[in-house]
Protein backbone atom coordinates (compact mmCIF):
# COMPACT_ATOMS: atom_id res chain seq x y z
CA GLN A 1 8.64 0.25 7.39
CA TYR A 2 8.33 0.24 3.61
CA LEU A 3 5.79 -1.39 1.35
CA VAL A 4 7.57 -3.78 -0.98
CA ARG A 5 4.90 -5.23 -3.31
CA SER A 6 1.24 -4.40 -4.05
CA THR A 7 -1.62 -5.78 -6.10
CA PHE A 8 -5.07 -4.41 -6.96
CA CYS A 9 -8.36 -6.27 -6.51
CA PRO A 10 -11.59 -4.74 -7.88
CA GLN A 11 -13.60 -6.91 -5.50
CA MET A 12 -17.41 -6.90 -5.45
CA GLY A 13 -18.35 -3.39 -4.36
CA ALA A 14 -14.87 -2.57 -3.06
CA CYS A 15 -11.54 -1.61 -4.54
CA LEU A 16 -8.87 -3.36 -2.51
CA ILE A 17 -5.12 -3.04 -2.64
CA ALA A 18 -3.08 -5.70 -0.88
CA SER A 19 0.44 -4.55 -0.01
CA GLY A 20 3.26 -6.60 1.42
CA SER A 21 5.83 -4.83 3.55
CA GLU A 22 9.44 -5.30 4.55
CA ASP A 23 8.38 -6.26 8.10
CA GLY A 24 6.45 -9.26 6.70
CA SER A 25 2.95 -7.90 7.25
CA VAL A 26 0.23 -7.62 4.61
CA HIS A 27 -1.89 -4.46 4.54
CA LEU A 28 -5.36 -4.51 2.95
CA LEU A 29 -6.46 -1.05 1.84
CA ASP A 30 -9.89 0.00 0.59
CA THR A 31 -9.52 2.79 -2.00
CA ALA A 32 -13.27 3.41 -2.35
CA ARG A 33 -13.57 5.14 1.02
CA GLU A 34 -13.97 8.89 0.49
CA GLY A 35 -11.40 9.05 -2.28
CA LYS A 36 -8.43 7.90 -0.22
CA ALA A 37 -7.04 4.55 0.87
CA ALA A 38 -8.05 3.32 4.31
CA GLN A 39 -6.50 0.26 5.93
CA VAL A 40 -9.22 -2.34 6.56
CA ASN A 41 -7.06 -5.25 7.73
CA ARG A 42 -3.49 -6.27 8.48
CA LEU A 43 -2.32 -9.87 8.16
CA HIS A 44 0.63 -11.38 10.01
CA GLY A 45 2.42 -14.62 9.20
CA HIS A 46 5.72 -13.77 7.54
CA ALA A 47 8.98 -13.09 9.35
CA ALA A 48 10.77 -11.73 6.26
CA PRO A 49 10.04 -9.03 3.66
CA ILE A 50 7.24 -9.90 1.25
CA LEU A 51 8.51 -10.14 -2.32
CA SER A 52 5.41 -11.42 -4.13
CA ILE A 53 1.67 -10.91 -3.72
CA ALA A 54 -1.29 -11.86 -5.95
CA PHE A 55 -5.02 -12.62 -5.90
CA ASN A 56 -6.37 -15.70 -7.67
CA TYR A 57 -8.79 -15.42 -10.62
CA ASP A 58 -11.98 -15.00 -8.55
CA GLU A 59 -10.32 -13.04 -5.73
CA SER A 60 -11.17 -15.67 -3.09
CA TYR A 61 -7.51 -16.27 -2.20
CA LEU A 62 -4.46 -14.07 -1.75
CA ALA A 63 -0.99 -15.58 -2.06
CA THR A 64 2.05 -13.95 -0.50
CA GLY A 65 5.69 -15.01 -0.69
CA ASP A 66 8.59 -13.74 1.36
CA HIS A 67 12.37 -13.42 1.12
CA GLN A 68 12.91 -16.71 3.00
CA GLY A 69 10.78 -18.68 0.51
CA LEU A 70 7.65 -19.03 2.66
CA VAL A 71 4.38 -18.87 0.69
CA ILE A 72 1.09 -18.27 2.52
CA ILE A 73 -2.33 -18.69 0.91
CA TRP A 74 -4.89 -16.47 2.65
CA GLN A 75 -8.59 -17.28 2.15
CA ASN A 76 -11.04 -14.42 1.73
């Protein structure tokens, strides 16, 4: 499994990276934990590789898009 796309979110008190993978899952990583990234959540909903991933302006939503054209809006 390979990570395909990533985005950074300097969220309140945390430094999150959201990464979409070729298996269609989204990995949320906290980089503020002891100097290394730790997975804090994994989201499922896509059946194809994720090609696009982005937070909205206030980081309350995460949008992901896959190879088949499916877009999912995840609420924080």
